[in-house]
Amino acid sequence: MEESMAGYFKEQFDEQQVLKLIQSFDKSISHDIPYLQKLLQFLEENNSLNLVCAVMLIKN
């Protein structure tokens, strides 16, 4: 079972790990416009395009 970044770093989870997560995500999929459009559509349809859901995705 994979562990989240927050779970792995525990108390040391800070802005540095969040930036690394965002950079890795961007590097992996920013070139895939259809995927990004589907992801945004999914988040909008599920009322998940907000800061609270973003925090949950990063922490879990």
C-alpha atoms as a PDB file:
ATOM      1  CA  MET A   1       0.000   0.000   0.000  1.00  0.00           C
ATOM      2  CA  GLU A   2       1.356   3.403  -0.960  1.00  0.00           C
ATOM      3  CA  GLU A   3       1.595   6.125   1.615  1.00  0.00           C
ATOM      4  CA  SER A   4       0.850   9.791   1.037  1.00  0.00           C
ATOM      5  CA  MET A   5       3.603  12.386   1.191  1.00  0.00           C
ATOM      6  CA  ALA A   6       2.128  13.795   4.380  1.00  0.00           C
ATOM      7  CA  GLY A   7       2.010  10.320   5.895  1.00  0.00           C
ATOM      8  CA  TYR A   8       5.595   9.644   4.903  1.00  0.00           C
ATOM      9  CA  PHE A   9       7.040  12.953   6.135  1.00  0.00           C
ATOM     10  CA  LYS A  10       4.696  13.287   9.137  1.00  0.00           C
ATOM     11  CA  GLU A  11       5.797  16.274  11.251  1.00  0.00           C
ATOM     12  CA  GLN A  12       8.412  17.273   8.672  1.00  0.00           C
ATOM     13  CA  PHE A  13       5.739  17.731   5.977  1.00  0.00           C
ATOM     14  CA  ASP A  14       6.004  21.369   5.008  1.00  0.00           C
ATOM     15  CA  GLU A  15       5.932  23.808   2.110  1.00  0.00           C
ATOM     16  CA  GLN A  16       9.017  22.190   0.547  1.00  0.00           C
ATOM     17  CA  GLN A  17       7.218  18.847   0.116  1.00  0.00           C
ATOM     18  CA  VAL A  18       4.073  20.568  -1.197  1.00  0.00           C
ATOM     19  CA  LEU A  19       6.145  22.403  -3.808  1.00  0.00           C
ATOM     20  CA  LYS A  20       7.863  19.153  -4.802  1.00  0.00           C
ATOM     21  CA  LEU A  21       4.459  17.476  -5.152  1.00  0.00           C
ATOM     22  CA  ILE A  22       3.126  20.280  -7.362  1.00  0.00           C
ATOM     23  CA  GLN A  23       6.284  20.323  -9.493  1.00  0.00           C
ATOM     24  CA  SER A  24       6.192  16.551  -9.954  1.00  0.00           C
ATOM     25  CA  PHE A  25       2.503  16.628 -10.846  1.00  0.00           C
ATOM     26  CA  ASP A  26       3.054  19.444 -13.332  1.00  0.00           C
ATOM     27  CA  LYS A  27       6.049  17.719 -14.932  1.00  0.00           C
ATOM     28  CA  SER A  28       4.099  14.470 -15.259  1.00  0.00           C
ATOM     29  CA  ILE A  29       0.826  15.690 -16.766  1.00  0.00           C
ATOM     30  CA  SER A  30       0.953  19.362 -17.756  1.00  0.00           C
ATOM     31  CA  HIS A  31       1.562  18.353 -21.373  1.00  0.00           C
ATOM     32  CA  ASP A  32      -1.568  16.158 -21.434  1.00  0.00           C
ATOM     33  CA  ILE A  33      -4.287  18.745 -22.077  1.00  0.00           C
ATOM     34  CA  PRO A  34      -7.152  16.207 -22.522  1.00  0.00           C
ATOM     35  CA  TYR A  35      -6.301  14.628 -19.152  1.00  0.00           C
ATOM     36  CA  LEU A  36      -6.215  18.010 -17.428  1.00  0.00           C
ATOM     37  CA  GLN A  37      -9.573  18.932 -18.956  1.00  0.00           C
ATOM     38  CA  LYS A  38     -11.108  15.651 -17.740  1.00  0.00           C
ATOM     39  CA  LEU A  39      -9.607  16.155 -14.296  1.00  0.00           C
ATOM     40  CA  LEU A  40     -10.998  19.681 -13.996  1.00  0.00           C
ATOM     41  CA  GLN A  41     -14.387  18.525 -15.262  1.00  0.00           C
ATOM     42  CA  PHE A  42     -14.429  15.715 -12.696  1.00  0.00           C
ATOM     43  CA  LEU A  43     -13.505  18.091  -9.865  1.00  0.00           C
ATOM     44  CA  GLU A  44     -16.149  20.623 -10.928  1.00  0.00           C
ATOM     45  CA  GLU A  45     -18.878  17.965 -11.268  1.00  0.00           C
ATOM     46  CA  ASN A  46     -18.095  16.699  -7.778  1.00  0.00           C
ATOM     47  CA  ASN A  47     -17.882  20.157  -6.171  1.00  0.00           C
ATOM     48  CA  SER A  48     -14.244  19.429  -5.362  1.00  0.00           C
ATOM     49  CA  LEU A  49     -12.595  22.419  -6.993  1.00  0.00           C
ATOM     50  CA  ASN A  50     -11.785  24.247  -3.770  1.00  0.00           C
ATOM     51  CA  LEU A  51      -9.025  24.689  -1.212  1.00  0.00           C
ATOM     52  CA  VAL A  52     -10.469  22.200   1.278  1.00  0.00           C
ATOM     53  CA  CYS A  53     -10.438  19.392  -1.292  1.00  0.00           C
ATOM     54  CA  ALA A  54      -6.949  20.375  -2.459  1.00  0.00           C
ATOM     55  CA  VAL A  55      -5.657  20.076   1.110  1.00  0.00           C
ATOM     56  CA  MET A  56      -7.321  16.673   1.481  1.00  0.00           C
ATOM     57  CA  LEU A  57      -5.746  15.433  -1.752  1.00  0.00           C
ATOM     58  CA  ILE A  58      -2.307  16.548  -0.611  1.00  0.00           C
ATOM     59  CA  LYS A  59      -2.657  15.149   2.908  1.00  0.00           C
ATOM     60  CA  ASN A  60      -4.173  11.811   1.870  1.00  0.00           C
END
